[in-house]
Amino acid sequence: MTHKNLTSQDIYQKNFRTSMRGYKATEVDEFLDLILQDYDTYEKEIASLKAENVALLRRLENEEKQHSFSDQTIVAKSSTQMNGTNYDILKRISNLEKHVFGAKLDNN
């Protein structure tokens, strides 16, 4: 709601002039009381929804931070595993080279 024309207090304090063939003041008051109750209910609901929205935005922000942190952790772990795997592969290649070329190298 960008602009409100009336507040619940405006509705409550509104006085209507009476004329000879005017409306019944009690009917107008009863109707305005109903409008006032609804207006108050809507204002409370809007405030509650705004608070809930703020809480959910904070929760989303925290989840995004945790997700970002987990992604960084996964990248770091996979990088470490890759380094370990690369080291193991190099070690195996070195052993294979020794077996294949070792005899030839020793003869020269």
Foldseek 3Di string as FASTA:
>chain_A
DPDDPDALVRLQPDDDDDDPPGDDPVVSNVVSVVVSVVRVVVVVVVVVVVVVVVVVVVVVVVVVVVVVVVVVVVVVVVVVVVVVVVVVVVVVVVVVCCVVCVVVVVVD
